[in-house]
């Protein structure tokens, strides 16, 4: 007897559609499989569909299978917002994910050893095309110790630290002021200056101050769908709702999205 027959059917309403969760009984084991199922480029038995197949990217079937790619135990991914998202997706022929299409990122939570103690560092990576293939590349890191090096500071405090516009007439002899308080030396930079945490990370690794220990957790951030952002996380649990699933969903305008993207790819 097949495993599909052994699974108990769990019907639930998605708008006007009743979805049988046994229709997609296999765990979404890989992110490439998540992409295929999200686009309806794979049937419920895990068999790849091709453009010559009438079922490939067929929107009605897609609207039935998409709800099964959400974490059903999370109120943020089981309500009316999810239904609106699916309706929006299946109403457009440009709402399909592209593996090498940019605007999706891996967030890798890691443990490093820094100056004799274990620390948690978040690595951000994206797919980059190279020659005829592609590869994952680092685009940013988040480590609180780096952020503390560059506190925002009050505007009034920042305005105390400057070099007079006629400093060049003094051969910049007054530049010593910039080095009297190393903790705020960035106040002497251009107003457009933004700290480059990835370069700091590479420097600390090269100096041997940061030593890799382990990967602890992984999730993905996807910005490819117009006016939407969602996360995909791994769920290892019993039942049908397991594997790589949408764990967070937000309606975000394209202008708002550009601000969010600054964290992933400054």
Protein backbone atom coordinates (compact mmCIF):
# COMPACT_ATOMS: atom_id res chain seq x y z
CA UNK A 1 0.00 0.00 0.00
CA UNK A 2 1.44 3.40 -0.97
CA UNK A 3 2.29 6.02 1.61
CA UNK A 4 -0.22 8.38 -0.03
CA UNK A 5 -3.08 6.01 0.81
CA UNK A 6 -1.97 5.69 4.43
CA UNK A 7 -2.15 9.44 5.05
CA UNK A 8 -5.40 10.67 6.53
CA UNK A 9 -7.12 13.32 4.42
CA UNK A 10 -7.39 16.76 5.97
CA UNK A 11 -9.73 19.01 4.00
CA UNK A 12 -9.79 22.75 4.56
CA UNK A 13 -11.37 25.62 2.71
CA UNK A 14 -9.20 28.09 0.79
CA UNK A 15 -11.61 30.73 -0.46
CA UNK A 16 -14.13 28.67 -2.41
CA UNK A 17 -11.74 25.75 -2.88
CA UNK A 18 -11.52 22.66 -0.70
CA UNK A 19 -7.96 21.37 -0.47
CA UNK A 20 -7.10 17.77 0.32
CA UNK A 21 -3.69 17.77 1.96
CA UNK A 22 -3.00 14.24 0.79
CA UNK A 23 -2.78 15.71 -2.73
CA UNK A 24 0.75 16.85 -1.90
CA UNK A 25 1.78 14.07 0.45
CA UNK A 26 5.55 14.19 -0.10
CA UNK A 27 7.68 16.46 2.09
CA UNK A 28 9.13 19.45 0.26
CA UNK A 29 12.68 18.30 0.90
CA UNK A 30 14.66 20.87 -1.10
CA UNK A 31 14.32 24.55 -1.95
CA UNK A 32 14.52 23.74 -5.67
CA UNK A 33 11.49 21.49 -5.08
CA UNK A 34 9.74 24.33 -3.24
CA UNK A 35 10.29 26.54 -6.31
CA UNK A 36 8.89 23.84 -8.61
CA UNK A 37 5.80 23.32 -6.44
CA UNK A 38 5.26 27.06 -5.98
CA UNK A 39 5.25 27.45 -9.77
CA UNK A 40 3.25 24.26 -10.38
CA UNK A 41 6.13 22.77 -12.34
CA UNK A 42 5.88 19.48 -10.43
CA UNK A 43 2.87 17.28 -9.78
CA UNK A 44 1.70 16.06 -6.37
CA UNK A 45 3.79 12.91 -6.71
CA UNK A 46 7.05 14.79 -7.22
CA UNK A 47 7.21 14.28 -10.99
CA UNK A 48 8.61 17.21 -12.96
CA UNK A 49 6.31 18.89 -15.46
CA UNK A 50 7.60 20.46 -18.66
CA UNK A 51 6.27 23.38 -20.72
CA UNK A 52 4.89 20.93 -23.30
CA UNK A 53 2.57 19.52 -20.61
CA UNK A 54 -0.79 21.38 -20.37
CA UNK A 55 -0.59 21.06 -16.56
CA UNK A 56 2.68 23.05 -16.43
CA UNK A 57 2.05 26.27 -14.47
CA UNK A 58 -1.71 25.73 -14.83
CA UNK A 59 -3.20 28.34 -12.49
CA UNK A 60 -6.31 26.50 -11.30
CA UNK A 61 -4.33 23.51 -10.12
CA UNK A 62 -1.71 25.86 -8.73
CA UNK A 63 -4.31 27.62 -6.56
CA UNK A 64 -5.19 24.23 -5.04
CA UNK A 65 -1.59 23.26 -4.24
CA UNK A 66 -0.18 26.60 -3.08
CA UNK A 67 -1.93 26.52 0.35
CA UNK A 68 -0.04 23.33 1.13
CA UNK A 69 3.27 25.23 0.99
CA UNK A 70 2.37 27.36 4.03
CA UNK A 71 3.04 26.62 7.69
CA UNK A 72 -0.53 25.86 8.79
CA UNK A 73 0.36 26.19 12.50
CA UNK A 74 1.25 29.86 12.14
CA UNK A 75 -1.60 32.43 12.25
CA UNK A 76 0.47 34.75 10.02
CA UNK A 77 0.37 32.19 7.20
CA UNK A 78 -3.10 30.69 7.52
CA UNK A 79 -5.50 33.63 7.35
CA UNK A 80 -7.04 35.97 4.81
CA UNK A 81 -3.66 37.50 3.90
CA UNK A 82 -2.53 34.12 2.59
CA UNK A 83 -5.73 33.74 0.57
CA UNK A 84 -5.26 37.22 -0.91
CA UNK A 85 -1.65 36.33 -1.76
CA UNK A 86 -2.68 33.14 -3.56
CA UNK A 87 -5.43 34.96 -5.44
CA UNK A 88 -2.91 37.59 -6.51
CA UNK A 89 -0.41 34.93 -7.60
CA UNK A 90 -2.83 32.89 -9.68
CA UNK A 91 -4.24 35.99 -11.37
CA UNK A 92 -0.90 36.85 -12.99
CA UNK A 93 1.36 35.07 -15.44
CA UNK A 94 4.39 36.96 -14.05
CA UNK A 95 4.11 35.62 -10.49
CA UNK A 96 6.47 32.67 -10.81
CA UNK A 97 9.74 32.27 -8.91
CA UNK A 98 13.08 32.16 -10.69
CA UNK A 99 15.97 30.30 -9.10
CA UNK A 100 18.57 32.55 -10.74
CA UNK A 101 16.28 35.57 -10.96
CA UNK A 102 17.77 37.52 -8.04
CA UNK A 103 15.89 39.09 -5.13
CA UNK A 104 15.97 36.02 -2.91
CA UNK A 105 18.45 35.45 -0.13
CA UNK A 106 19.61 32.76 2.26
CA UNK A 107 19.94 33.71 5.93
CA UNK A 108 22.46 31.36 7.57
CA UNK A 109 22.72 31.51 11.35
CA UNK A 110 26.21 30.39 12.34
CA UNK A 111 28.47 29.99 15.34
CA UNK A 112 32.01 31.40 15.28
CA UNK A 113 34.70 31.67 17.89
CA UNK A 114 35.75 35.28 18.48
CA UNK A 115 38.44 36.19 20.98
CA UNK A 116 38.02 32.99 22.94
CA UNK A 117 34.22 32.87 23.11
CA UNK A 118 31.47 31.52 20.90
CA UNK A 119 29.37 34.13 19.09
CA UNK A 120 26.42 34.02 16.71
CA UNK A 121 26.79 35.64 13.29
CA UNK A 122 24.16 35.81 10.55
CA UNK A 123 25.46 35.39 7.00
CA UNK A 124 23.42 36.64 4.04
CA UNK A 125 23.96 34.97 0.67
CA UNK A 126 22.46 35.22 -2.80
CA UNK A 127 22.68 33.34 -6.10
CA UNK A 128 24.99 35.00 -8.62
CA UNK A 129 25.36 34.02 -12.26
CA UNK A 130 28.84 33.05 -13.38
CA UNK A 131 29.69 32.03 -16.95
CA UNK A 132 27.15 29.32 -17.84
CA UNK A 133 26.29 28.50 -14.23
CA UNK A 134 25.66 30.15 -10.90
CA UNK A 135 26.96 30.14 -7.34
CA UNK A 136 26.06 31.36 -3.84
CA UNK A 137 27.96 34.46 -2.72
CA UNK A 138 28.09 36.42 0.54
CA UNK A 139 26.36 39.82 0.37
CA UNK A 140 26.19 40.90 4.03
CA UNK A 141 26.69 39.81 7.64
CA UNK A 142 25.03 40.76 10.89
CA UNK A 143 27.14 40.65 14.05
CA UNK A 144 26.18 42.93 16.99
CA UNK A 145 29.83 43.58 17.84
CA UNK A 146 30.27 45.22 14.43
CA UNK A 147 27.12 47.32 14.81
CA UNK A 148 28.32 48.65 18.16
CA UNK A 149 31.41 50.03 16.45
CA UNK A 150 29.23 52.42 14.45
CA UNK A 151 26.45 53.79 16.67
CA UNK A 152 24.15 56.24 14.92
CA UNK A 153 24.79 59.09 17.37
CA UNK A 154 22.73 62.23 17.93
CA UNK A 155 22.92 64.89 15.22
CA UNK A 156 24.01 67.52 17.75
CA UNK A 157 26.89 65.26 18.83
CA UNK A 158 27.92 64.56 15.24
CA UNK A 159 27.98 68.26 14.40
CA UNK A 160 30.69 68.85 17.02
CA UNK A 161 33.11 66.75 15.02
CA UNK A 162 34.19 68.38 11.76
CA UNK A 163 37.15 69.85 9.91
CA UNK A 164 36.88 73.53 9.04
CA UNK A 165 36.43 74.15 5.28
CA UNK A 166 39.68 76.16 5.26
CA UNK A 167 41.69 73.29 6.79
CA UNK A 168 43.61 72.86 3.56
CA UNK A 169 45.18 76.31 4.08
CA UNK A 170 46.71 74.89 7.30
CA UNK A 171 48.02 71.80 5.48
CA UNK A 172 45.36 69.87 7.44
CA UNK A 173 47.39 70.25 10.63
CA UNK A 174 44.07 70.13 12.53
CA UNK A 175 43.26 66.63 11.31
CA UNK A 176 44.67 65.33 14.59
CA UNK A 177 41.20 66.03 16.05
CA UNK A 178 39.74 63.13 14.05
CA UNK A 179 41.97 60.69 15.91
CA UNK A 180 41.52 61.98 19.44
CA UNK A 181 38.26 60.02 19.84
CA UNK A 182 38.61 56.84 17.74
CA UNK A 183 35.13 55.69 18.78
CA UNK A 184 33.54 58.44 16.65
CA UNK A 185 36.06 58.75 13.81
CA UNK A 186 33.30 57.93 11.28
CA UNK A 187 31.75 61.35 12.06
CA UNK A 188 34.52 62.80 9.92
CA UNK A 189 33.42 60.75 6.90
CA UNK A 190 31.07 61.87 4.15
CA UNK A 191 27.40 62.03 5.09
CA UNK A 192 26.89 59.21 2.57
CA UNK A 193 29.25 56.88 4.44
CA UNK A 194 27.81 53.48 5.34
CA UNK A 195 29.88 50.93 7.29
CA UNK A 196 30.76 47.83 5.28
CA UNK A 197 30.24 44.95 7.69
CA UNK A 198 31.14 42.31 5.11
CA UNK A 199 34.64 43.82 4.73
CA UNK A 200 34.99 43.89 8.52
CA UNK A 201 33.99 40.23 8.62
CA UNK A 202 36.52 39.25 5.96
CA UNK A 203 39.23 41.21 7.80
CA UNK A 204 38.53 39.46 11.11
CA UNK A 205 38.55 36.06 9.40
CA UNK A 206 41.81 36.83 7.59
CA UNK A 207 43.44 37.94 10.85
CA UNK A 208 42.36 34.70 12.50
CA UNK A 209 40.14 36.50 15.00
CA UNK A 210 36.97 34.79 13.74
CA UNK A 211 36.99 31.01 13.41
CA UNK A 212 34.02 29.13 11.94
CA UNK A 213 32.36 26.53 14.17
CA UNK A 214 28.98 25.49 12.73
CA UNK A 215 25.84 26.26 10.76
CA UNK A 216 22.91 26.37 13.18
CA UNK A 217 19.84 27.40 11.22
CA UNK A 218 18.77 28.34 7.71
CA UNK A 219 15.87 30.22 6.17
CA UNK A 220 15.20 32.10 2.95
CA UNK A 221 13.85 35.57 2.18
CA UNK A 222 12.04 36.00 -1.13
CA UNK A 223 11.29 39.41 -2.69
CA UNK A 224 10.60 38.32 -6.28
CA UNK A 225 6.80 38.68 -6.28
CA UNK A 226 5.60 42.24 -6.89
CA UNK A 227 4.37 43.89 -3.67
CA UNK A 228 4.99 40.78 -1.57
CA UNK A 229 7.72 39.43 0.70
CA UNK A 230 7.81 36.01 2.35
CA UNK A 231 10.13 33.76 4.32
CA UNK A 232 10.64 30.04 3.81
CA UNK A 233 11.76 27.93 6.80
CA UNK A 234 12.40 24.25 7.48
CA UNK A 235 9.87 22.28 9.53
CA UNK A 236 10.66 18.77 10.67
CA UNK A 237 7.51 17.36 12.23
CA UNK A 238 4.97 14.61 11.77
CA UNK A 239 2.07 14.94 9.37
CA UNK A 240 1.78 16.38 5.87
CA UNK A 241 2.69 19.98 6.67
CA UNK A 242 6.45 19.60 6.81
CA UNK A 243 9.67 20.42 4.94
CA UNK A 244 10.33 23.84 3.39
CA UNK A 245 7.24 25.99 4.01
CA UNK A 246 6.30 29.66 3.94
CA UNK A 247 6.71 30.82 7.54
CA UNK A 248 6.06 34.56 7.21
CA UNK A 249 4.14 36.66 4.70
CA UNK A 250 3.92 40.42 4.29
CA UNK A 251 2.29 42.77 1.81
CA UNK A 252 5.09 45.24 1.00
CA UNK A 253 5.07 47.92 -1.69
CA UNK A 254 8.01 47.98 -4.07
CA UNK A 255 9.27 51.25 -2.53
CA UNK A 256 9.18 49.72 0.97
CA UNK A 257 10.86 46.61 -0.37
CA UNK A 258 13.87 48.57 -1.60
CA UNK A 259 14.51 49.74 1.97
CA UNK A 260 14.31 46.17 3.29
CA UNK A 261 16.71 44.96 0.62
CA UNK A 262 19.41 47.27 1.98
CA UNK A 263 19.97 44.78 4.81
CA UNK A 264 20.45 41.86 2.42
CA UNK A 265 22.51 43.57 -0.27
CA UNK A 266 23.76 47.02 0.82
